[in-house]
Amino acid sequence: MRKLFVLRHGKASKNFDYSEDYIRNLNKKGIAQINQIGYIMKNSEVVIDEIISSKARRSFETAQIVNHYINCSEISFNEELYLCSLDEIAQSLSTNSNAKTRLYVGHNNGISYFVNWLCDENILMNTGMLIEIDLEIDDWNHLSQGIGSIVKIIRPDVLSF
């Protein structure tokens, strides 16, 4: 059995030019959301063997903040995971890895489509939302539609700034 945590990046600053979307950073609310998620993960004694994240600034910052709480030594950032499809997410996670538990940090709409495909659900992931998924597989290469079971959904409870 494998376990996957899927985390949508925190709330990001507004952009007025689409060409600058990749470099948008977390705003104050996003930083608070992800600190709350990290704190919850730490207090739940979650052990993550590997973090895989989009390299876009808001996802990079999200992964770094969470890692401050969970201290994962294996972390990778991939430019191809920026605004990617569910197929690209599945492909990136279907790699040889000894990790029993992974955290994937990414963007909508691909991240919501991926969770829905993996778990046969209909969920729209809000910013900062974390979903814990049990996978009935022994090898990441066996990721496929409908094999996931949602264990827990955590929505950060942060007031607007």
N, C-alpha and C. Protein backbone atom coordinates (compact mmCIF):
# COMPACT_ATOMS: atom_id res chain seq x y z
N MET A 1 0.85 -1.19 0.00
CA MET A 1 0.00 0.00 0.00
C MET A 1 0.89 1.24 0.00
N ARG A 2 0.45 2.25 -0.73
CA ARG A 2 1.13 3.54 -0.79
C ARG A 2 0.16 4.62 -0.32
N LYS A 3 0.72 5.74 0.11
CA LYS A 3 -0.09 6.87 0.55
C LYS A 3 0.36 8.10 -0.20
N LEU A 4 -0.61 8.89 -0.64
CA LEU A 4 -0.33 10.12 -1.38
C LEU A 4 -1.08 11.26 -0.72
N PHE A 5 -0.35 12.35 -0.46
CA PHE A 5 -0.96 13.59 -0.02
C PHE A 5 -0.91 14.54 -1.21
N VAL A 6 -2.03 15.15 -1.53
CA VAL A 6 -2.12 16.08 -2.65
C VAL A 6 -2.47 17.45 -2.06
N LEU A 7 -1.63 18.45 -2.37
CA LEU A 7 -1.79 19.78 -1.79
C LEU A 7 -1.82 20.82 -2.90
N ARG A 8 -2.89 21.59 -2.93
CA ARG A 8 -2.93 22.72 -3.85
C ARG A 8 -2.20 23.90 -3.18
N HIS A 9 -1.40 24.60 -3.95
CA HIS A 9 -0.66 25.74 -3.42
C HIS A 9 -1.59 26.70 -2.69
N GLY A 10 -1.01 27.50 -1.81
CA GLY A 10 -1.78 28.51 -1.09
C GLY A 10 -2.21 29.66 -1.99
N LYS A 11 -3.06 30.49 -1.45
CA LYS A 11 -3.56 31.67 -2.17
C LYS A 11 -2.39 32.54 -2.62
N ALA A 12 -2.42 32.93 -3.87
CA ALA A 12 -1.31 33.69 -4.46
C ALA A 12 -1.70 35.14 -4.70
N SER A 13 -0.68 35.96 -4.87
CA SER A 13 -0.89 37.37 -5.19
C SER A 13 -1.61 37.49 -6.52
N LYS A 14 -2.31 38.57 -6.70
CA LYS A 14 -3.02 38.81 -7.96
C LYS A 14 -2.01 39.13 -9.05
N ASN A 15 -2.34 38.68 -10.25
CA ASN A 15 -1.49 39.07 -11.37
C ASN A 15 -2.35 39.81 -12.39
N PHE A 16 -1.75 40.75 -13.01
CA PHE A 16 -2.47 41.52 -14.01
C PHE A 16 -1.96 41.23 -15.41
N ASP A 17 -0.92 40.43 -15.48
CA ASP A 17 -0.32 40.07 -16.76
C ASP A 17 -0.09 38.57 -16.75
N TYR A 18 -0.82 37.83 -17.61
CA TYR A 18 -0.72 36.38 -17.63
C TYR A 18 0.71 35.90 -17.81
N SER A 19 1.52 36.65 -18.50
CA SER A 19 2.90 36.24 -18.75
C SER A 19 3.71 36.15 -17.45
N GLU A 20 3.23 36.78 -16.39
CA GLU A 20 3.92 36.75 -15.10
C GLU A 20 3.30 35.74 -14.13
N ASP A 21 2.35 34.93 -14.57
CA ASP A 21 1.66 33.99 -13.70
C ASP A 21 2.63 33.02 -13.02
N TYR A 22 3.62 32.55 -13.72
CA TYR A 22 4.58 31.56 -13.20
C TYR A 22 5.33 32.08 -11.98
N ILE A 23 5.54 33.39 -11.89
CA ILE A 23 6.35 33.94 -10.80
C ILE A 23 5.51 34.56 -9.68
N ARG A 24 4.19 34.34 -9.70
CA ARG A 24 3.36 34.86 -8.61
C ARG A 24 3.71 34.15 -7.31
N ASN A 25 3.86 34.93 -6.25
CA ASN A 25 4.18 34.34 -4.95
C ASN A 25 2.93 34.23 -4.08
N LEU A 26 3.05 33.54 -2.97
CA LEU A 26 1.95 33.43 -2.02
C LEU A 26 1.69 34.80 -1.40
N ASN A 27 0.41 35.10 -1.19
CA ASN A 27 0.09 36.33 -0.45
C ASN A 27 0.02 35.99 1.04
N LYS A 28 -0.33 36.96 1.88
CA LYS A 28 -0.37 36.73 3.33
C LYS A 28 -1.33 35.61 3.70
N LYS A 29 -2.49 35.59 3.07
CA LYS A 29 -3.46 34.53 3.35
C LYS A 29 -2.90 33.17 2.94
N GLY A 30 -2.24 33.10 1.79
CA GLY A 30 -1.66 31.85 1.33
C GLY A 30 -0.58 31.33 2.26
N ILE A 31 0.25 32.24 2.75
CA ILE A 31 1.30 31.85 3.71
C ILE A 31 0.65 31.31 4.98
N ALA A 32 -0.40 31.98 5.47
CA ALA A 32 -1.10 31.52 6.66
C ALA A 32 -1.76 30.16 6.42
N GLN A 33 -2.38 29.97 5.24
CA GLN A 33 -3.02 28.69 4.91
C GLN A 33 -2.00 27.55 5.00
N ILE A 34 -0.86 27.75 4.38
CA ILE A 34 0.12 26.67 4.28
C ILE A 34 0.82 26.44 5.62
N ASN A 35 1.03 27.48 6.39
CA ASN A 35 1.56 27.28 7.74
C ASN A 35 0.58 26.45 8.57
N GLN A 36 -0.70 26.71 8.41
CA GLN A 36 -1.70 25.93 9.14
C GLN A 36 -1.66 24.46 8.71
N ILE A 37 -1.58 24.22 7.41
CA ILE A 37 -1.52 22.84 6.91
C ILE A 37 -0.25 22.14 7.42
N GLY A 38 0.88 22.82 7.36
CA GLY A 38 2.13 22.25 7.87
C GLY A 38 2.05 21.92 9.34
N TYR A 39 1.47 22.82 10.11
CA TYR A 39 1.30 22.61 11.55
C TYR A 39 0.42 21.38 11.82
N ILE A 40 -0.67 21.25 11.07
CA ILE A 40 -1.57 20.10 11.22
C ILE A 40 -0.83 18.82 10.86
N MET A 41 -0.07 18.83 9.77
CA MET A 41 0.67 17.63 9.37
C MET A 41 1.69 17.24 10.44
N LYS A 42 2.39 18.22 10.97
CA LYS A 42 3.38 17.94 12.01
C LYS A 42 2.72 17.34 13.25
N ASN A 43 1.62 17.92 13.69
CA ASN A 43 0.93 17.42 14.88
C ASN A 43 0.25 16.08 14.65
N SER A 44 0.00 15.73 13.40
CA SER A 44 -0.56 14.42 13.06
C SER A 44 0.54 13.38 12.89
N GLU A 45 1.78 13.83 13.06
CA GLU A 45 2.96 12.97 12.92
C GLU A 45 3.03 12.29 11.56
N VAL A 46 2.63 13.04 10.53
CA VAL A 46 2.72 12.56 9.16
C VAL A 46 4.18 12.46 8.77
N VAL A 47 4.56 11.34 8.18
CA VAL A 47 5.91 11.15 7.66
C VAL A 47 5.82 11.09 6.14
N ILE A 48 6.49 12.02 5.49
CA ILE A 48 6.52 12.07 4.02
C ILE A 48 7.92 11.65 3.58
N ASP A 49 7.99 10.69 2.68
CA ASP A 49 9.28 10.21 2.18
C ASP A 49 9.80 11.06 1.02
N GLU A 50 8.86 11.68 0.28
CA GLU A 50 9.26 12.43 -0.91
C GLU A 50 8.22 13.50 -1.23
N ILE A 51 8.70 14.69 -1.60
CA ILE A 51 7.84 15.77 -2.05
C ILE A 51 8.13 16.02 -3.52
N ILE A 52 7.07 16.10 -4.32
CA ILE A 52 7.18 16.43 -5.74
C ILE A 52 6.31 17.66 -5.95
N SER A 53 6.90 18.71 -6.53
CA SER A 53 6.18 19.98 -6.66
C SER A 53 6.44 20.64 -7.99
N SER A 54 5.44 21.40 -8.42
CA SER A 54 5.64 22.33 -9.52
C SER A 54 6.72 23.31 -9.11
N LYS A 55 7.45 23.81 -10.09
CA LYS A 55 8.51 24.78 -9.80
C LYS A 55 8.01 26.23 -9.83
N ALA A 56 6.75 26.43 -10.19
CA ALA A 56 6.20 27.79 -10.16
C ALA A 56 6.35 28.34 -8.75
N ARG A 57 6.56 29.62 -8.63
CA ARG A 57 6.92 30.23 -7.34
C ARG A 57 5.92 29.90 -6.22
N ARG A 58 4.62 30.00 -6.48
CA ARG A 58 3.65 29.77 -5.41
C ARG A 58 3.64 28.31 -4.93
N SER A 59 3.89 27.38 -5.84
CA SER A 59 3.99 25.97 -5.44
C SER A 59 5.31 25.70 -4.73
N PHE A 60 6.38 26.30 -5.24
CA PHE A 60 7.70 26.17 -4.62
C PHE A 60 7.63 26.67 -3.17
N GLU A 61 7.04 27.85 -2.96
CA GLU A 61 6.91 28.40 -1.62
C GLU A 61 6.05 27.50 -0.73
N THR A 62 4.96 26.97 -1.29
CA THR A 62 4.08 26.07 -0.55
C THR A 62 4.85 24.84 -0.07
N ALA A 63 5.59 24.21 -0.97
CA ALA A 63 6.35 23.02 -0.62
C ALA A 63 7.40 23.33 0.45
N GLN A 64 8.05 24.48 0.32
CA GLN A 64 9.10 24.85 1.29
C GLN A 64 8.50 25.10 2.67
N ILE A 65 7.36 25.78 2.73
CA ILE A 65 6.74 26.05 4.03
C ILE A 65 6.31 24.75 4.70
N VAL A 66 5.63 23.88 3.96
CA VAL A 66 5.20 22.60 4.54
C VAL A 66 6.42 21.79 4.99
N ASN A 67 7.46 21.81 4.18
CA ASN A 67 8.65 21.03 4.54
C ASN A 67 9.32 21.56 5.80
N HIS A 68 9.14 22.82 6.11
CA HIS A 68 9.65 23.36 7.37
C HIS A 68 9.06 22.58 8.55
N TYR A 69 7.83 22.12 8.43
CA TYR A 69 7.15 21.39 9.50
C TYR A 69 7.43 19.89 9.46
N ILE A 70 7.56 19.30 8.25
CA ILE A 70 7.64 17.84 8.16
C ILE A 70 9.06 17.32 7.91
N ASN A 71 9.97 18.20 7.53
CA ASN A 71 11.39 17.85 7.37
C ASN A 71 11.64 16.64 6.45
N CYS A 72 11.15 16.73 5.25
CA CYS A 72 11.39 15.69 4.26
C CYS A 72 12.71 15.97 3.56
N SER A 73 13.55 14.96 3.43
CA SER A 73 14.88 15.17 2.81
C SER A 73 14.84 15.04 1.29
N GLU A 74 13.82 14.39 0.75
CA GLU A 74 13.71 14.19 -0.70
C GLU A 74 12.65 15.15 -1.25
N ILE A 75 13.10 16.18 -1.95
CA ILE A 75 12.17 17.15 -2.51
C ILE A 75 12.64 17.52 -3.91
N SER A 76 11.71 17.50 -4.86
CA SER A 76 12.07 17.86 -6.24
C SER A 76 11.04 18.84 -6.79
N PHE A 77 11.55 19.74 -7.61
CA PHE A 77 10.72 20.76 -8.25
C PHE A 77 10.83 20.58 -9.75
N ASN A 78 9.69 20.58 -10.43
CA ASN A 78 9.66 20.26 -11.85
C ASN A 78 8.88 21.34 -12.61
N GLU A 79 9.52 21.97 -13.58
CA GLU A 79 8.86 23.02 -14.38
C GLU A 79 7.68 22.48 -15.17
N GLU A 80 7.74 21.22 -15.58
CA GLU A 80 6.67 20.63 -16.40
C GLU A 80 5.37 20.45 -15.61
N LEU A 81 5.41 20.57 -14.29
CA LEU A 81 4.22 20.39 -13.49
C LEU A 81 3.42 21.68 -13.31
N TYR A 82 3.87 22.75 -13.92
CA TYR A 82 3.15 24.03 -13.87
C TYR A 82 1.93 23.94 -14.78
N LEU A 83 0.74 24.09 -14.19
CA LEU A 83 -0.54 24.07 -14.91
C LEU A 83 -0.66 22.85 -15.83
N CYS A 84 -0.25 21.70 -15.36
CA CYS A 84 -0.25 20.50 -16.19
C CYS A 84 -1.57 19.74 -16.08
N SER A 85 -1.71 18.74 -16.91
CA SER A 85 -2.92 17.93 -16.96
C SER A 85 -2.84 16.79 -15.94
N LEU A 86 -3.96 16.13 -15.73
CA LEU A 86 -3.97 14.97 -14.83
C LEU A 86 -3.05 13.88 -15.35
N ASP A 87 -2.96 13.70 -16.66
CA ASP A 87 -2.06 12.69 -17.23
C ASP A 87 -0.61 13.00 -16.91
N GLU A 88 -0.24 14.27 -16.97
CA GLU A 88 1.14 14.65 -16.66
C GLU A 88 1.45 14.47 -15.18
N ILE A 89 0.48 14.72 -14.32
CA ILE A 89 0.66 14.47 -12.89
C ILE A 89 0.84 12.98 -12.65
N ALA A 90 -0.06 12.18 -13.21
CA ALA A 90 0.03 10.73 -13.05
C ALA A 90 1.36 10.20 -13.56
N GLN A 91 1.81 10.72 -14.69
CA GLN A 91 3.08 10.27 -15.25
C GLN A 91 4.24 10.63 -14.32
N SER A 92 4.22 11.82 -13.75
CA SER A 92 5.31 12.24 -12.88
C SER A 92 5.34 11.42 -11.59
N LEU A 93 4.19 10.95 -11.14
CA LEU A 93 4.13 10.13 -9.93
C LEU A 93 4.34 8.64 -10.21
N SER A 94 4.20 8.24 -11.47
CA SER A 94 4.38 6.83 -11.85
C SER A 94 5.84 6.53 -12.15
N THR A 95 6.69 6.90 -11.23
CA THR A 95 8.12 6.69 -11.41
C THR A 95 8.62 5.72 -10.36
N ASN A 96 9.73 5.09 -10.66
CA ASN A 96 10.34 4.20 -9.68
C ASN A 96 10.74 5.00 -8.47
N SER A 97 10.25 4.60 -7.34
CA SER A 97 10.57 5.28 -6.09
C SER A 97 10.36 4.30 -4.95
N ASN A 98 11.24 4.35 -3.99
CA ASN A 98 11.08 3.54 -2.80
C ASN A 98 10.17 4.20 -1.78
N ALA A 99 9.73 5.42 -2.07
CA ALA A 99 8.89 6.18 -1.14
C ALA A 99 7.56 5.46 -0.92
N LYS A 100 7.21 5.30 0.33
CA LYS A 100 5.89 4.74 0.68
C LYS A 100 4.84 5.85 0.70
N THR A 101 5.28 7.05 1.08
CA THR A 101 4.37 8.18 1.21
C THR A 101 4.95 9.38 0.48
N ARG A 102 4.13 9.97 -0.38
CA ARG A 102 4.55 11.14 -1.15
C ARG A 102 3.58 12.30 -0.93
N LEU A 103 4.13 13.49 -1.13
CA LEU A 103 3.33 14.72 -1.14
C LEU A 103 3.51 15.35 -2.51
N TYR A 104 2.39 15.60 -3.19
CA TYR A 104 2.42 16.29 -4.48
C TYR A 104 1.83 17.68 -4.28
N VAL A 105 2.55 18.71 -4.73
CA VAL A 105 2.10 20.10 -4.62
C VAL A 105 1.91 20.66 -6.02
N GLY A 106 0.70 21.15 -6.31
CA GLY A 106 0.47 21.63 -7.66
C GLY A 106 -0.68 22.63 -7.77
N HIS A 107 -1.20 22.72 -9.00
CA HIS A 107 -2.14 23.76 -9.41
C HIS A 107 -3.45 23.16 -9.89
N ASN A 108 -4.51 23.98 -9.83
CA ASN A 108 -5.76 23.64 -10.49
C ASN A 108 -5.63 24.07 -11.95
N ASN A 109 -6.30 23.45 -12.83
CA ASN A 109 -7.37 22.49 -12.68
C ASN A 109 -6.84 21.05 -12.66
N GLY A 110 -5.62 20.88 -13.09
CA GLY A 110 -5.04 19.55 -13.18
C GLY A 110 -5.07 18.78 -11.88
N ILE A 111 -4.80 19.45 -10.76
CA ILE A 111 -4.73 18.75 -9.48
C ILE A 111 -6.11 18.21 -9.06
N SER A 112 -7.16 18.98 -9.30
CA SER A 112 -8.52 18.51 -8.99
C SER A 112 -8.90 17.36 -9.92
N TYR A 113 -8.62 17.50 -11.21
CA TYR A 113 -8.91 16.42 -12.15
C TYR A 113 -8.18 15.15 -11.77
N PHE A 114 -6.93 15.28 -11.33
CA PHE A 114 -6.13 14.12 -10.95
C PHE A 114 -6.76 13.40 -9.75
N VAL A 115 -7.11 14.14 -8.70
CA VAL A 115 -7.72 13.53 -7.52
C VAL A 115 -9.04 12.85 -7.89
N ASN A 116 -9.85 13.49 -8.71
CA ASN A 116 -11.13 12.91 -9.13
C ASN A 116 -10.92 11.64 -9.94
N TRP A 117 -9.95 11.63 -10.83
CA TRP A 117 -9.62 10.46 -11.64
C TRP A 117 -9.12 9.32 -10.75
N LEU A 118 -8.24 9.65 -9.83
CA LEU A 118 -7.61 8.65 -8.97
C LEU A 118 -8.59 8.02 -7.99
N CYS A 119 -9.55 8.81 -7.50
CA CYS A 119 -10.45 8.37 -6.43
C CYS A 119 -11.90 8.24 -6.84
N ASP A 120 -12.21 8.43 -8.11
CA ASP A 120 -13.61 8.42 -8.57
C ASP A 120 -14.48 9.34 -7.73
N GLU A 121 -14.04 10.58 -7.59
CA GLU A 121 -14.74 11.59 -6.79
C GLU A 121 -15.06 12.79 -7.67
N ASN A 122 -15.69 13.79 -7.07
CA ASN A 122 -15.98 15.04 -7.76
C ASN A 122 -15.67 16.19 -6.79
N ILE A 123 -14.39 16.51 -6.70
CA ILE A 123 -13.91 17.51 -5.73
C ILE A 123 -13.21 18.63 -6.49
N LEU A 124 -13.48 19.86 -6.08
CA LEU A 124 -12.74 21.01 -6.59
C LEU A 124 -11.82 21.45 -5.46
N MET A 125 -10.53 21.36 -5.67
CA MET A 125 -9.57 21.71 -4.63
C MET A 125 -9.40 23.21 -4.55
N ASN A 126 -9.66 23.76 -3.38
CA ASN A 126 -9.43 25.18 -3.12
C ASN A 126 -7.97 25.39 -2.77
N THR A 127 -7.53 26.64 -2.76
CA THR A 127 -6.15 26.92 -2.41
C THR A 127 -5.88 26.44 -0.98
N GLY A 128 -4.72 25.82 -0.80
CA GLY A 128 -4.30 25.34 0.50
C GLY A 128 -4.93 24.03 0.93
N MET A 129 -5.81 23.46 0.13
CA MET A 129 -6.49 22.22 0.51
C MET A 129 -5.52 21.04 0.40
N LEU A 130 -5.58 20.16 1.40
CA LEU A 130 -4.77 18.95 1.44
C LEU A 130 -5.68 17.74 1.45
N ILE A 131 -5.39 16.77 0.59
CA ILE A 131 -6.16 15.54 0.56
C ILE A 131 -5.21 14.37 0.78
N GLU A 132 -5.55 13.53 1.75
CA GLU A 132 -4.79 12.32 2.05
C GLU A 132 -5.48 11.14 1.36
N ILE A 133 -4.70 10.37 0.59
CA ILE A 133 -5.26 9.29 -0.23
C ILE A 133 -4.50 8.00 0.04
N ASP A 134 -5.22 6.92 0.32
CA ASP A 134 -4.64 5.58 0.37
C ASP A 134 -4.73 4.97 -1.02
N LEU A 135 -3.65 4.35 -1.44
CA LEU A 135 -3.59 3.72 -2.76
C LEU A 135 -3.38 2.22 -2.60
N GLU A 136 -4.21 1.46 -3.25
CA GLU A 136 -4.12 0.00 -3.18
C GLU A 136 -3.10 -0.53 -4.18
N ILE A 137 -1.87 -0.05 -4.06
CA ILE A 137 -0.78 -0.49 -4.93
C ILE A 137 0.48 -0.66 -4.09
N ASP A 138 1.42 -1.44 -4.60
CA ASP A 138 2.71 -1.61 -3.95
C ASP A 138 3.83 -0.95 -4.74
N ASP A 139 3.49 -0.40 -5.89
CA ASP A 139 4.48 0.21 -6.77
C ASP A 139 3.84 1.42 -7.44
N TRP A 140 4.54 2.55 -7.44
CA TRP A 140 4.00 3.78 -8.02
C TRP A 140 3.72 3.62 -9.51
N ASN A 141 4.35 2.67 -10.16
CA ASN A 141 4.10 2.44 -11.59
C ASN A 141 2.68 1.93 -11.85
N HIS A 142 1.97 1.52 -10.82
CA HIS A 142 0.63 0.97 -10.98
C HIS A 142 -0.48 1.99 -10.72
N LEU A 143 -0.12 3.27 -10.69
CA LEU A 143 -1.15 4.30 -10.55
C LEU A 143 -2.16 4.17 -11.69
N SER A 144 -3.44 4.18 -11.35
CA SER A 144 -4.46 4.12 -12.39
C SER A 144 -5.78 4.66 -11.84
N GLN A 145 -6.71 4.84 -12.72
CA GLN A 145 -7.99 5.42 -12.37
C GLN A 145 -8.72 4.58 -11.33
N GLY A 146 -9.25 5.26 -10.32
CA GLY A 146 -10.13 4.63 -9.34
C GLY A 146 -9.46 3.82 -8.25
N ILE A 147 -8.14 3.84 -8.14
CA ILE A 147 -7.48 3.00 -7.13
C ILE A 147 -7.29 3.71 -5.79
N GLY A 148 -7.63 4.98 -5.72
CA GLY A 148 -7.41 5.74 -4.50
C GLY A 148 -8.65 5.83 -3.63
N SER A 149 -8.42 5.89 -2.33
CA SER A 149 -9.50 6.11 -1.36
C SER A 149 -9.13 7.31 -0.51
N ILE A 150 -10.01 8.30 -0.48
CA ILE A 150 -9.74 9.50 0.31
C ILE A 150 -9.89 9.16 1.79
N VAL A 151 -8.84 9.46 2.54
CA VAL A 151 -8.82 9.23 3.98
C VAL A 151 -9.27 10.49 4.70
N LYS A 152 -8.76 11.63 4.24
CA LYS A 152 -9.01 12.89 4.95
C LYS A 152 -8.87 14.06 3.98
N ILE A 153 -9.69 15.06 4.19
CA ILE A 153 -9.57 16.33 3.47
C ILE A 153 -9.40 17.42 4.52
N ILE A 154 -8.37 18.23 4.35
CA ILE A 154 -8.13 19.33 5.28
C ILE A 154 -8.19 20.63 4.49
N ARG A 155 -9.10 21.48 4.91
CA ARG A 155 -9.25 22.81 4.33
C ARG A 155 -8.75 23.82 5.35
N PRO A 156 -7.78 24.64 5.00
CA PRO A 156 -7.30 25.62 5.97
C PRO A 156 -8.41 26.59 6.34
N ASP A 157 -8.42 26.99 7.59
CA ASP A 157 -9.44 27.91 8.10
C ASP A 157 -8.74 29.21 8.47
N VAL A 158 -8.55 30.04 7.46
CA VAL A 158 -7.81 31.29 7.63
C VAL A 158 -8.69 32.43 7.17
N LEU A 159 -8.81 33.44 8.01
CA LEU A 159 -9.58 34.62 7.63
C LEU A 159 -8.79 35.44 6.62
N SER A 160 -9.50 36.23 5.83
CA SER A 160 -8.85 37.09 4.86
C SER A 160 -8.08 38.19 5.56
N PHE A 161 -7.01 38.63 4.92
CA PHE A 161 -6.18 39.71 5.45
C PHE A 161 -6.52 41.00 4.76
